[in-house]
């Protein structure tokens, strides 16, 4: 799961469109929206760009999901550093 304040997001295989991945946003009252992407990496990037951060993983693929989240976060961090480096005289 990914967290941002009192909101959290979950990543699952989509029941709506088999073969795709679903990112579902939640607040204290339950689900508040979702988006579908072709790969788990795409939904992780979507959540990280929206300000969510890795909180905890649950389920049979939890450890793999945690590693994927950390890898995608590292890629975004490297891209941010590269942009800063190119803008500094």
C-alpha atoms as a PDB file:
ATOM      1  CA  UNK A   1       0.000   0.000   0.000  1.00  0.00           C
ATOM      2  CA  UNK A   2       1.035   3.534  -0.570  1.00  0.00           C
ATOM      3  CA  UNK A   3       0.156   6.367   1.779  1.00  0.00           C
ATOM      4  CA  UNK A   4      -0.267  10.131   1.634  1.00  0.00           C
ATOM      5  CA  UNK A   5      -1.538  11.667   4.842  1.00  0.00           C
ATOM      6  CA  UNK A   6      -4.955  10.196   5.616  1.00  0.00           C
ATOM      7  CA  UNK A   7      -5.292   8.758   2.101  1.00  0.00           C
ATOM      8  CA  UNK A   8      -3.853   5.519   0.805  1.00  0.00           C
ATOM      9  CA  UNK A   9      -3.674   3.652  -2.463  1.00  0.00           C
ATOM     10  CA  UNK A  10      -3.711  -0.020  -3.336  1.00  0.00           C
ATOM     11  CA  UNK A  11      -2.357  -1.746  -6.423  1.00  0.00           C
ATOM     12  CA  UNK A  12      -4.062  -4.878  -7.709  1.00  0.00           C
ATOM     13  CA  UNK A  13      -4.703  -6.742 -10.913  1.00  0.00           C
ATOM     14  CA  UNK A  14      -7.810  -5.226 -12.444  1.00  0.00           C
ATOM     15  CA  UNK A  15     -11.127  -7.013 -12.144  1.00  0.00           C
ATOM     16  CA  UNK A  16     -12.561  -4.527 -14.651  1.00  0.00           C
ATOM     17  CA  UNK A  17     -10.058  -5.247 -17.396  1.00  0.00           C
ATOM     18  CA  UNK A  18      -8.191  -8.553 -17.021  1.00  0.00           C
ATOM     19  CA  UNK A  19      -4.471  -8.297 -17.726  1.00  0.00           C
ATOM     20  CA  UNK A  20      -4.234  -4.663 -16.610  1.00  0.00           C
ATOM     21  CA  UNK A  21      -3.207  -3.195 -13.249  1.00  0.00           C
ATOM     22  CA  UNK A  22      -5.450  -0.992 -11.118  1.00  0.00           C
ATOM     23  CA  UNK A  23      -4.457   1.779  -8.739  1.00  0.00           C
ATOM     24  CA  UNK A  24      -7.291   2.486  -6.296  1.00  0.00           C
ATOM     25  CA  UNK A  25      -7.301   5.559  -4.047  1.00  0.00           C
ATOM     26  CA  UNK A  26      -8.939   5.373  -0.614  1.00  0.00           C
ATOM     27  CA  UNK A  27      -9.767   7.741   2.201  1.00  0.00           C
ATOM     28  CA  UNK A  28     -11.285   7.053   5.613  1.00  0.00           C
ATOM     29  CA  UNK A  29     -14.658   6.297   4.028  1.00  0.00           C
ATOM     30  CA  UNK A  30     -13.409   3.819   1.403  1.00  0.00           C
ATOM     31  CA  UNK A  31     -12.450   3.872  -2.285  1.00  0.00           C
ATOM     32  CA  UNK A  32     -12.607   7.300  -3.944  1.00  0.00           C
ATOM     33  CA  UNK A  33     -11.289   6.549  -7.428  1.00  0.00           C
ATOM     34  CA  UNK A  34      -9.079   4.379  -9.562  1.00  0.00           C
ATOM     35  CA  UNK A  35      -7.007   4.282 -12.721  1.00  0.00           C
ATOM     36  CA  UNK A  36      -5.905   1.424 -14.957  1.00  0.00           C
ATOM     37  CA  UNK A  37      -2.505   0.928 -16.579  1.00  0.00           C
ATOM     38  CA  UNK A  38      -0.867  -1.840 -18.592  1.00  0.00           C
ATOM     39  CA  UNK A  39       1.989  -2.547 -16.157  1.00  0.00           C
ATOM     40  CA  UNK A  40       2.515  -2.524 -12.418  1.00  0.00           C
ATOM     41  CA  UNK A  41       5.386  -0.091 -12.955  1.00  0.00           C
ATOM     42  CA  UNK A  42       3.024   2.407 -14.585  1.00  0.00           C
ATOM     43  CA  UNK A  43       0.593   2.361 -11.657  1.00  0.00           C
ATOM     44  CA  UNK A  44       3.451   2.681  -9.165  1.00  0.00           C
ATOM     45  CA  UNK A  45       4.811   5.721 -11.015  1.00  0.00           C
ATOM     46  CA  UNK A  46       1.299   7.218 -11.112  1.00  0.00           C
ATOM     47  CA  UNK A  47       0.947   6.875  -7.338  1.00  0.00           C
ATOM     48  CA  UNK A  48       4.440   8.215  -6.616  1.00  0.00           C
ATOM     49  CA  UNK A  49       3.889  11.229  -8.875  1.00  0.00           C
ATOM     50  CA  UNK A  50       0.642  11.931  -7.012  1.00  0.00           C
ATOM     51  CA  UNK A  51       2.634  12.178  -3.782  1.00  0.00           C
ATOM     52  CA  UNK A  52       1.996   8.714  -2.365  1.00  0.00           C
ATOM     53  CA  UNK A  53       4.879   6.903  -0.671  1.00  0.00           C
ATOM     54  CA  UNK A  54       5.415   3.235   0.120  1.00  0.00           C
ATOM     55  CA  UNK A  55       3.816   2.298   3.439  1.00  0.00           C
ATOM     56  CA  UNK A  56       3.438  -1.472   3.585  1.00  0.00           C
ATOM     57  CA  UNK A  57       2.772  -4.379   1.336  1.00  0.00           C
ATOM     58  CA  UNK A  58       0.220  -7.115   1.888  1.00  0.00           C
ATOM     59  CA  UNK A  59      -0.663 -10.267   0.016  1.00  0.00           C
ATOM     60  CA  UNK A  60       1.267 -13.021  -1.731  1.00  0.00           C
ATOM     61  CA  UNK A  61       3.301 -10.657  -3.928  1.00  0.00           C
ATOM     62  CA  UNK A  62       3.977  -8.141  -1.158  1.00  0.00           C
ATOM     63  CA  UNK A  63       7.756  -8.423  -1.156  1.00  0.00           C
ATOM     64  CA  UNK A  64       8.004  -8.095  -4.948  1.00  0.00           C
ATOM     65  CA  UNK A  65       5.639  -5.119  -4.897  1.00  0.00           C
ATOM     66  CA  UNK A  66       7.729  -3.403  -2.234  1.00  0.00           C
ATOM     67  CA  UNK A  67      10.871  -3.834  -4.337  1.00  0.00           C
ATOM     68  CA  UNK A  68       9.122  -2.477  -7.444  1.00  0.00           C
ATOM     69  CA  UNK A  69       7.917   0.589  -5.537  1.00  0.00           C
ATOM     70  CA  UNK A  70      11.432   1.258  -4.266  1.00  0.00           C
ATOM     71  CA  UNK A  71      12.901   0.873  -7.758  1.00  0.00           C
ATOM     72  CA  UNK A  72      10.378   3.255  -9.304  1.00  0.00           C
ATOM     73  CA  UNK A  73      10.966   5.785  -6.513  1.00  0.00           C
ATOM     74  CA  UNK A  74      14.712   5.569  -7.114  1.00  0.00           C
ATOM     75  CA  UNK A  75      14.175   6.197 -10.852  1.00  0.00           C
ATOM     76  CA  UNK A  76      12.075   9.284 -10.105  1.00  0.00           C
ATOM     77  CA  UNK A  77      14.692  10.528  -7.624  1.00  0.00           C
ATOM     78  CA  UNK A  78      17.474  10.079 -10.193  1.00  0.00           C
ATOM     79  CA  UNK A  79      15.462  11.915 -12.830  1.00  0.00           C
ATOM     80  CA  UNK A  80      14.861  14.782 -10.381  1.00  0.00           C
ATOM     81  CA  UNK A  81      18.585  14.959  -9.547  1.00  0.00           C
ATOM     82  CA  UNK A  82      19.475  14.966 -13.240  1.00  0.00           C
ATOM     83  CA  UNK A  83      17.074  17.860 -13.911  1.00  0.00           C
ATOM     84  CA  UNK A  84      18.578  19.836 -11.021  1.00  0.00           C
ATOM     85  CA  UNK A  85      22.120  19.128 -12.222  1.00  0.00           C
ATOM     86  CA  UNK A  86      21.340  20.439 -15.715  1.00  0.00           C
ATOM     87  CA  UNK A  87      19.810  23.664 -14.376  1.00  0.00           C
ATOM     88  CA  UNK A  88      22.702  24.595 -12.057  1.00  0.00           C
ATOM     89  CA  UNK A  89      25.263  26.810 -13.827  1.00  0.00           C
END
